[in-house]
């Protein structure tokens, strides 16, 4: 069997170490993302009634971008301690209506002459 070039072996070893480091970094990033999502869900579980959580889950299936914006608003309300009682389904619907109203108002219209 022919001897392997020491330079080639060193390059392979270096590349293998780089790949392992990348994999470890990716695993850490995924773990951080899971922790953040778990914290978000814990906050939402603490401030929403069961019916409101179900509605939010349905919204997340239909319109994920609305759900994310709504979740962010709810979490912000919780972090600033503006929520004293659990948010009901009716209150969640009102927040959603405000959100959709705000997004509708930001549309650009063109007038032709």
N, C-alpha and C. Protein backbone atom coordinates (compact mmCIF):
# COMPACT_ATOMS: atom_id res chain seq x y z
N UNK A 1 0.83 -1.16 0.00
CA UNK A 1 0.00 0.00 0.00
C UNK A 1 0.89 1.25 0.00
N UNK A 2 0.55 2.22 -0.80
CA UNK A 2 1.36 3.42 -0.94
C UNK A 2 1.18 4.31 0.28
N UNK A 3 2.25 4.99 0.64
CA UNK A 3 2.21 5.94 1.75
C UNK A 3 1.36 7.14 1.35
N UNK A 4 0.55 7.62 2.28
CA UNK A 4 -0.28 8.79 2.01
C UNK A 4 0.57 10.05 2.20
N UNK A 5 0.34 10.99 1.35
CA UNK A 5 1.07 12.25 1.40
C UNK A 5 0.76 12.94 2.74
N UNK A 6 1.76 13.33 3.52
CA UNK A 6 1.51 13.96 4.82
C UNK A 6 0.74 15.29 4.70
N UNK A 7 0.97 16.00 3.61
CA UNK A 7 0.26 17.27 3.42
C UNK A 7 -1.23 17.01 3.17
N UNK A 8 -1.51 16.00 2.36
CA UNK A 8 -2.90 15.63 2.07
C UNK A 8 -3.59 15.14 3.35
N UNK A 9 -2.90 14.36 4.13
CA UNK A 9 -3.46 13.86 5.40
C UNK A 9 -3.77 15.02 6.34
N UNK A 10 -2.87 16.00 6.39
CA UNK A 10 -3.09 17.17 7.24
C UNK A 10 -4.31 17.97 6.78
N UNK A 11 -4.45 18.12 5.45
CA UNK A 11 -5.61 18.83 4.90
C UNK A 11 -6.92 18.10 5.23
N UNK A 12 -6.89 16.78 5.09
CA UNK A 12 -8.08 15.99 5.41
C UNK A 12 -8.44 16.11 6.89
N UNK A 13 -7.44 16.06 7.72
CA UNK A 13 -7.67 16.16 9.16
C UNK A 13 -8.23 17.55 9.52
N UNK A 14 -7.68 18.59 8.88
CA UNK A 14 -8.15 19.95 9.12
C UNK A 14 -9.60 20.10 8.66
N UNK A 15 -9.91 19.58 7.49
CA UNK A 15 -11.28 19.68 6.96
C UNK A 15 -12.26 18.91 7.83
N UNK A 16 -11.86 17.75 8.32
CA UNK A 16 -12.71 16.96 9.21
C UNK A 16 -13.00 17.73 10.50
N UNK A 17 -11.99 18.39 11.05
CA UNK A 17 -12.17 19.20 12.26
C UNK A 17 -13.11 20.37 11.99
N UNK A 18 -12.98 21.00 10.81
CA UNK A 18 -13.87 22.11 10.45
C UNK A 18 -15.32 21.63 10.35
N UNK A 19 -15.52 20.50 9.73
CA UNK A 19 -16.87 19.96 9.58
C UNK A 19 -17.47 19.62 10.94
N UNK A 20 -16.67 19.06 11.84
CA UNK A 20 -17.17 18.74 13.17
C UNK A 20 -17.53 20.02 13.93
N UNK A 21 -16.71 21.05 13.80
CA UNK A 21 -17.01 22.33 14.46
C UNK A 21 -18.28 22.96 13.91
N UNK A 22 -18.47 22.87 12.60
CA UNK A 22 -19.69 23.39 11.98
C UNK A 22 -20.92 22.64 12.49
N UNK A 23 -20.79 21.33 12.62
CA UNK A 23 -21.91 20.52 13.10
C UNK A 23 -22.24 20.87 14.55
N UNK A 24 -21.23 21.07 15.37
CA UNK A 24 -21.44 21.45 16.77
C UNK A 24 -22.10 22.82 16.85
N UNK A 25 -21.64 23.75 16.02
CA UNK A 25 -22.23 25.09 16.00
C UNK A 25 -23.70 25.03 15.57
N UNK A 26 -23.99 24.21 14.57
CA UNK A 26 -25.37 24.05 14.10
C UNK A 26 -26.26 23.46 15.19
N UNK A 27 -25.75 22.48 15.93
CA UNK A 27 -26.52 21.88 17.01
C UNK A 27 -26.79 22.90 18.11
N UNK A 28 -25.80 23.73 18.43
CA UNK A 28 -25.99 24.76 19.45
C UNK A 28 -27.04 25.77 19.02
N UNK A 29 -26.99 26.16 17.75
CA UNK A 29 -27.97 27.11 17.22
C UNK A 29 -29.38 26.53 17.29
N UNK A 30 -29.53 25.28 16.90
CA UNK A 30 -30.84 24.63 16.96
C UNK A 30 -31.34 24.54 18.39
N UNK A 31 -30.46 24.25 19.32
CA UNK A 31 -30.84 24.17 20.74
C UNK A 31 -31.28 25.54 21.25
N UNK A 32 -30.58 26.58 20.86
CA UNK A 32 -30.97 27.93 21.27
C UNK A 32 -32.33 28.30 20.71
N UNK A 33 -32.57 27.93 19.45
CA UNK A 33 -33.87 28.22 18.83
C UNK A 33 -34.98 27.45 19.53
N UNK A 34 -34.73 26.21 19.92
CA UNK A 34 -35.73 25.43 20.66
C UNK A 34 -36.02 26.07 22.01
N UNK A 35 -34.98 26.53 22.69
CA UNK A 35 -35.17 27.18 23.99
C UNK A 35 -35.99 28.46 23.85
N UNK A 36 -35.69 29.25 22.84
CA UNK A 36 -36.44 30.49 22.61
C UNK A 36 -37.90 30.17 22.33
N UNK A 37 -38.14 29.18 21.48
CA UNK A 37 -39.52 28.81 21.16
C UNK A 37 -40.25 28.27 22.40
N UNK A 38 -39.55 27.49 23.22
CA UNK A 38 -40.17 27.00 24.46
C UNK A 38 -40.53 28.15 25.40
N UNK A 39 -39.65 29.15 25.49
CA UNK A 39 -39.94 30.31 26.32
C UNK A 39 -41.14 31.08 25.78
N UNK A 40 -41.19 31.24 24.45
CA UNK A 40 -42.33 31.94 23.84
C UNK A 40 -43.64 31.21 24.16
N UNK A 41 -43.62 29.89 23.99
CA UNK A 41 -44.83 29.11 24.24
C UNK A 41 -45.23 29.14 25.71
N UNK A 42 -44.25 29.16 26.60
CA UNK A 42 -44.55 29.23 28.04
C UNK A 42 -45.21 30.57 28.38
N UNK A 43 -44.70 31.65 27.79
CA UNK A 43 -45.29 32.97 28.04
C UNK A 43 -46.71 33.01 27.50
N UNK A 44 -46.91 32.51 26.28
CA UNK A 44 -48.24 32.51 25.68
C UNK A 44 -49.21 31.64 26.48
N UNK A 45 -48.73 30.51 26.95
CA UNK A 45 -49.58 29.62 27.75
C UNK A 45 -50.00 30.31 29.05
N UNK A 46 -49.13 31.14 29.58
CA UNK A 46 -49.43 31.84 30.83
C UNK A 46 -50.40 32.99 30.68
N UNK A 47 -50.48 33.57 29.47
CA UNK A 47 -51.34 34.76 29.32
C UNK A 47 -52.60 34.52 28.50
N UNK A 48 -52.73 33.34 27.88
CA UNK A 48 -53.90 33.05 27.04
C UNK A 48 -54.77 31.97 27.66
N UNK A 49 -56.08 32.12 27.48
CA UNK A 49 -56.98 31.04 27.88
C UNK A 49 -56.85 29.91 26.86
N UNK A 50 -57.44 28.77 27.18
CA UNK A 50 -57.37 27.63 26.25
C UNK A 50 -58.00 27.96 24.90
N UNK A 51 -59.14 28.64 24.92
CA UNK A 51 -59.82 28.99 23.68
C UNK A 51 -58.98 29.93 22.84
N UNK A 52 -58.34 30.89 23.49
CA UNK A 52 -57.49 31.84 22.78
C UNK A 52 -56.27 31.13 22.18
N UNK A 53 -55.71 30.17 22.91
CA UNK A 53 -54.57 29.41 22.38
C UNK A 53 -54.99 28.59 21.17
N UNK A 54 -56.19 28.02 21.22
CA UNK A 54 -56.69 27.25 20.09
C UNK A 54 -56.87 28.15 18.87
N UNK A 55 -57.42 29.34 19.09
CA UNK A 55 -57.60 30.28 17.98
C UNK A 55 -56.25 30.67 17.39
N UNK A 56 -55.28 30.93 18.26
CA UNK A 56 -53.95 31.30 17.79
C UNK A 56 -53.32 30.16 16.98
N UNK A 57 -53.54 28.93 17.42
CA UNK A 57 -53.02 27.77 16.68
C UNK A 57 -53.67 27.67 15.30
N UNK A 58 -54.98 27.94 15.23
CA UNK A 58 -55.68 27.92 13.94
C UNK A 58 -55.16 29.03 13.03
N UNK A 59 -54.93 30.19 13.60
CA UNK A 59 -54.40 31.31 12.82
C UNK A 59 -53.01 30.96 12.30
N UNK A 60 -52.22 30.29 13.13
CA UNK A 60 -50.86 29.92 12.75
C UNK A 60 -50.88 28.97 11.55
N UNK A 61 -51.87 28.11 11.50
CA UNK A 61 -51.99 27.19 10.36
C UNK A 61 -52.40 27.93 9.09
N UNK A 62 -53.32 28.88 9.23
CA UNK A 62 -53.85 29.58 8.06
C UNK A 62 -52.91 30.70 7.59
N UNK A 63 -52.46 31.52 8.53
CA UNK A 63 -51.62 32.67 8.18
C UNK A 63 -50.48 32.80 9.18
N UNK A 64 -49.40 32.10 8.94
CA UNK A 64 -48.29 32.10 9.90
C UNK A 64 -47.71 33.49 10.18
N UNK A 65 -47.71 34.37 9.16
CA UNK A 65 -47.14 35.71 9.38
C UNK A 65 -48.00 36.53 10.34
N UNK A 66 -49.32 36.40 10.25
CA UNK A 66 -50.20 37.08 11.21
C UNK A 66 -50.00 36.52 12.61
N UNK A 67 -49.90 35.21 12.68
CA UNK A 67 -49.74 34.55 13.98
C UNK A 67 -48.45 34.99 14.65
N UNK A 68 -47.37 35.07 13.89
CA UNK A 68 -46.09 35.48 14.46
C UNK A 68 -46.17 36.92 14.96
N UNK A 69 -46.77 37.80 14.19
CA UNK A 69 -46.91 39.19 14.60
C UNK A 69 -47.77 39.29 15.85
N UNK A 70 -48.86 38.54 15.86
CA UNK A 70 -49.76 38.55 17.01
C UNK A 70 -49.06 37.98 18.25
N UNK A 71 -48.33 36.89 18.08
CA UNK A 71 -47.57 36.32 19.20
C UNK A 71 -46.57 37.33 19.75
N UNK A 72 -45.88 38.02 18.85
CA UNK A 72 -44.89 39.02 19.29
C UNK A 72 -45.56 40.14 20.09
N UNK A 73 -46.73 40.58 19.63
CA UNK A 73 -47.46 41.61 20.37
C UNK A 73 -47.89 41.11 21.74
N UNK A 74 -48.38 39.89 21.79
CA UNK A 74 -48.82 39.33 23.07
C UNK A 74 -47.65 39.18 24.04
N UNK A 75 -46.53 38.72 23.54
CA UNK A 75 -45.35 38.55 24.39
C UNK A 75 -44.86 39.92 24.87
N UNK A 76 -44.91 40.90 24.00
CA UNK A 76 -44.51 42.25 24.39
C UNK A 76 -45.43 42.79 25.48
N UNK A 77 -46.74 42.54 25.35
CA UNK A 77 -47.68 42.96 26.39
C UNK A 77 -47.37 42.28 27.72
N UNK A 78 -47.03 41.01 27.65
CA UNK A 78 -46.72 40.26 28.87
C UNK A 78 -45.43 40.77 29.50
N UNK A 79 -44.43 41.06 28.68
CA UNK A 79 -43.15 41.51 29.21
C UNK A 79 -43.22 42.91 29.81
N UNK A 80 -44.12 43.74 29.29
CA UNK A 80 -44.28 45.08 29.84
C UNK A 80 -45.32 45.10 30.96
N UNK A 81 -45.81 43.94 31.30
CA UNK A 81 -46.77 43.75 32.40
C UNK A 81 -48.08 44.53 32.19
N UNK A 82 -48.53 44.60 30.95
CA UNK A 82 -49.82 45.22 30.66
C UNK A 82 -50.97 44.22 30.74
N UNK A 83 -50.63 42.94 30.87
CA UNK A 83 -51.64 41.90 30.96
C UNK A 83 -51.78 41.51 32.43
N UNK A 84 -52.98 41.75 32.97
CA UNK A 84 -53.20 41.39 34.37
C UNK A 84 -53.93 40.05 34.47
N UNK A 85 -54.94 39.85 33.63
CA UNK A 85 -55.67 38.58 33.58
C UNK A 85 -55.33 37.87 32.28
N UNK A 86 -55.76 36.63 32.19
CA UNK A 86 -55.53 35.88 30.96
C UNK A 86 -56.36 36.51 29.83
N UNK A 87 -55.78 36.52 28.64
CA UNK A 87 -56.46 37.07 27.47
C UNK A 87 -57.45 36.04 26.96
N UNK A 88 -58.68 36.47 26.79
CA UNK A 88 -59.74 35.58 26.33
C UNK A 88 -59.76 35.52 24.81
N UNK A 89 -60.61 34.65 24.31
CA UNK A 89 -60.76 34.50 22.87
C UNK A 89 -61.28 35.80 22.25
N UNK A 90 -62.23 36.45 22.91
CA UNK A 90 -62.78 37.71 22.38
C UNK A 90 -61.70 38.80 22.32
N UNK A 91 -60.89 38.90 23.35
CA UNK A 91 -59.82 39.89 23.36
C UNK A 91 -58.80 39.59 22.27
N UNK A 92 -58.52 38.32 22.06
CA UNK A 92 -57.59 37.93 21.01
C UNK A 92 -58.14 38.30 19.64
N UNK A 93 -59.43 38.09 19.43
CA UNK A 93 -60.05 38.47 18.16
C UNK A 93 -59.95 39.98 17.94
N UNK A 94 -60.14 40.76 19.01
CA UNK A 94 -60.02 42.21 18.89
C UNK A 94 -58.60 42.62 18.50
N UNK A 95 -57.61 41.98 19.13
CA UNK A 95 -56.22 42.27 18.76
C UNK A 95 -55.95 41.91 17.30
N UNK A 96 -56.51 40.79 16.87
CA UNK A 96 -56.32 40.37 15.48
C UNK A 96 -56.99 41.35 14.53
N UNK A 97 -58.16 41.84 14.88
CA UNK A 97 -58.83 42.83 14.03
C UNK A 97 -58.01 44.11 13.93
N UNK A 98 -57.43 44.53 15.04
CA UNK A 98 -56.57 45.72 15.01
C UNK A 98 -55.35 45.48 14.12
N UNK A 99 -54.80 44.30 14.22
CA UNK A 99 -53.63 43.96 13.42
C UNK A 99 -53.97 43.97 11.93
N UNK A 100 -55.06 43.34 11.55
CA UNK A 100 -55.43 43.29 10.13
C UNK A 100 -55.83 44.67 9.63
N UNK A 101 -56.45 45.47 10.48
CA UNK A 101 -56.84 46.83 10.09
C UNK A 101 -55.59 47.66 9.83
N UNK A 102 -54.60 47.54 10.68
CA UNK A 102 -53.35 48.28 10.50
C UNK A 102 -52.64 47.85 9.22
N UNK A 103 -52.65 46.57 8.94
CA UNK A 103 -51.98 46.09 7.74
C UNK A 103 -52.74 46.49 6.49
N UNK A 104 -54.04 46.56 6.55
CA UNK A 104 -54.82 46.99 5.39
C UNK A 104 -54.58 48.46 5.10
N UNK A 105 -54.42 49.27 6.13
CA UNK A 105 -54.23 50.70 5.93
C UNK A 105 -52.90 51.01 5.27
N UNK A 106 -51.95 50.13 5.33
CA UNK A 106 -50.63 50.40 4.79
C UNK A 106 -50.51 50.04 3.30
N UNK A 107 -51.61 49.72 2.64
CA UNK A 107 -51.55 49.40 1.22
C UNK A 107 -51.35 50.67 0.41
N UNK A 108 -50.66 50.52 -0.69
CA UNK A 108 -50.39 51.63 -1.60
C UNK A 108 -51.34 51.51 -2.78
N UNK A 109 -51.97 52.62 -3.11
CA UNK A 109 -52.86 52.63 -4.27
C UNK A 109 -52.31 53.60 -5.31
N UNK A 110 -52.50 53.26 -6.55
CA UNK A 110 -52.05 54.10 -7.65
C UNK A 110 -53.27 54.67 -8.35
N UNK A 111 -53.22 55.96 -8.59
CA UNK A 111 -54.31 56.62 -9.31
C UNK A 111 -53.81 56.94 -10.71
N UNK A 112 -54.59 56.53 -11.68
CA UNK A 112 -54.22 56.80 -13.07
C UNK A 112 -54.88 58.06 -13.54
N UNK A 113 -54.19 58.78 -14.34
CA UNK A 113 -54.76 60.04 -14.85
C UNK A 113 -55.38 59.84 -16.20
